[in-house]
Amino acid sequence: MDHEPKKCKLCLSKYMWIVLILVPTIIRLVFPIKYSSLPIQGLDRQIPFDNNSDPNYFAVMTDVHVWYDQRDRHYEEGLEMARKLKSKYVVIAGDLVNNWKPGKKQVSSRNYQEHEMYHNITRNASQYFTTILDISGNHDMWDISSFDSAENDFPQYSNYYSKIKNLTFDEFACSIVYIDDNAFILLNPMRFPLPRSVYDFYTHLDKHFLDMFEKAVHDASNATHIYALLHFPVCFLIESSKSSSGKSFIQILSESRVTFLITGHTHPPKTSPIHHKNATEIIACDITTHAVVGIITEDNGNSVYHTFNTKDEVKALVVNPPPYDQIGGQSYFNDNQTNVKVLAFTNDSNTEILVDGIKMKFNHFVKDGLAVYTAMLPAKQGKYSLHFTGFFEKELECFNGKVVGSRKENPGIIHSMFVLGYILLGFFSSIMVFVLFPFDLSNQISILGKLRKRIEIWLISSTYCSFDTLIFTIFGFVVLRTRLLLNPLWLRLVLFFVLIIMIFVPFGFTKFDGKQGFVSMFGYFSSGKLMVEPSGAILFDSYMILIVFANIFLSAMVNDYTKFSLLTVVDLSVIIIQFVGNCMLINVFITQLVGVAKAWTSITWMFTPGILFSLILVNRIINRKKRVQDSLTADNLNPSTSDSNQTPYI
């Protein structure tokens, strides 16, 4: 029998189990995680629907990201669109600037040139609006040790906060602004010291902030509509405690009269409504990547969030009925008839607007170039569609009834990436500890000895159609461990040490607000405080996949074959792909976190892989010399076989 392991079996057991994990993960990213909302009962209309009322509306933007090299003018174009649509005011849900260090690479910094650019653009446009409300995002306040730090210039370049003298942290964290009959609750839950880029996906809420938010929603309860502005979606909030009344953020929000919680941060290609009992969260599409501006209309108690590209020609806004995916506990959707109301941007009272083939009637002009058209249709029960044709074309899904049922809602692909990242972290960490455990216990534990013997027999067997093939392919990491046990103990100890040590050793050192600190799997250390941050777990995932796995595969090559083969090509290709992936990770994310020089000279991301590669190569050379010596000894004992010997592959 040939005692060399079969190349195909080595390949299957080495890689197929990873494929079986990654393929479903990728599929889940293509089809992101969705959650089911609770059934919601709407409001009962106490006052008859008024066709003669003037709809109110205002513009919404998020993730402006003004950039110092002026790569785009999306922010200016968004403000220009709001001006042309005659919006009364504009609200912006954070990330006003990029804050990248000047240069070709994206490195966390405070780019005062961008701050000045944003302030000037906003100031020049403010003459067209009653006000521009803007809150902070993660990009606006990187790497600041305290709210009173001299490096914190956000209150100076923000349009709204720059007008408040002697701004306190509590005013910044939670405040109410009244415009017309509406209340806007501005939320900036910043936990100091603040992180740098990559470690800024989540924000943390403490008891004091929750108490302020709970008081704000109570104080604003008499407003016609309440809107809360928060840069981070609810799924990116971490609560260290509850409010004094024992409530979480979602409990406070869902029990309040907040119509819309407007968030941003994740740059979704489409605006995503997420329902939290009575309140509706709008994860808004951004201006910098997708050039999208939101318009919120208000009429007869209903608020509707509309989205348009800055290049679109906006002809009309359907202000009633509200869309099916937006209706919540603060909506009216149980009427005896379908009252359709459209706000058309036209001076022509004879404009033809059809809804389900019925011509809508001109009602009145709100102002020059802005007309109201109405129609009354028979009430439809449940979910239904309205088709608008003529002056503009639109299909709108609506709902009529007392209670709207559960809906599938998607917080976005970035949320799915983090959820799956944490799952993979636990899964891969457990497997890696098992695979890299340096001591061979097969002689002490009989079941392990039998399993190892069974694997060795399967590897050299010519039989492929067997139960063992299925099991050792799915659980290939067990076979991988068996191959690694053929390495000397010192190399196994080094590999295990590299995995374990990275749980405790910093990923990199950098300065926060001028003070030395570091970043690690658990978070970041700044101003004498270790701040726990979930993003570190995702980097540890990347470390295992791109560095630990690569060196495991490389060290296994020593024992998998002695001649060049197709499996050699596969192994080397996988290792090269992982090396390129590691370089891309350094180039994109690690540089943002610690800077270019420190990223490319990182012990974790550069020197550790290099040292491991060198040690594995040394072990390979030692093993080759040993095999050559064994071969020469065998030749001396049996000269007739010397001609058939081949030089082992290095």
Foldseek 3Di string as FASTA:
>chain_A
DDLAFDLVLLVLLQPLLVVVLVVVLVVCLVVDDWDKDAWAFADDQPDDFDLQDDKAKAKEFEQQAQELVCPDCLVLLQLVLRLVVLHQEYEYQANLHQCADPDDFRAHHHDVSSLVVSLVSCVVSCVSHPAYHYAYALRQQAQAADCPFPSNCVLCSGRPSVPDPPDDPLCNQWDWDDDDLEIEIEHDQADGPHHFPLLRLAGEDEQVSQQRVLVVLVVSQRGLAYEYRHAHPPLRYHYPAHYPVRHDPLRSQQPGRHAEHEYERPQDLQWFWDDSAAYIYTHHHHRPPNSKMWMWMDGSQDIEIDIDHSPDDDFKDWGPDHFARRDGHRHDAADQWGKTKMKGQAQDQPAFKDKVNHTWHWDAAPDHRITMTIDIGGDDAAWDWIFIDGRDTDIGIGHHDRMDRMDITGPHSVSSVLVVLVVLLVVLLVLQCVLLVLDDCCVVDVVSVVVLVVLSCVRRDPDCPDPCNVVSSNNSSSVLSSLLNVFDSVLSVLLNCLLVVQQPDFQFWAARSNHTWTAGLQGIAYPNDGDGGNSSSSVSSLLCQLASSLLSLLLSVLRNFFADDVSNVVNVVSNVVSLVVLVVCLSHPVCNRHHNVRSCVTCSSHVSSVVSVVVSVVSSVVVLVVVVVVLVVVCVVPVVCVVVDDRTDD
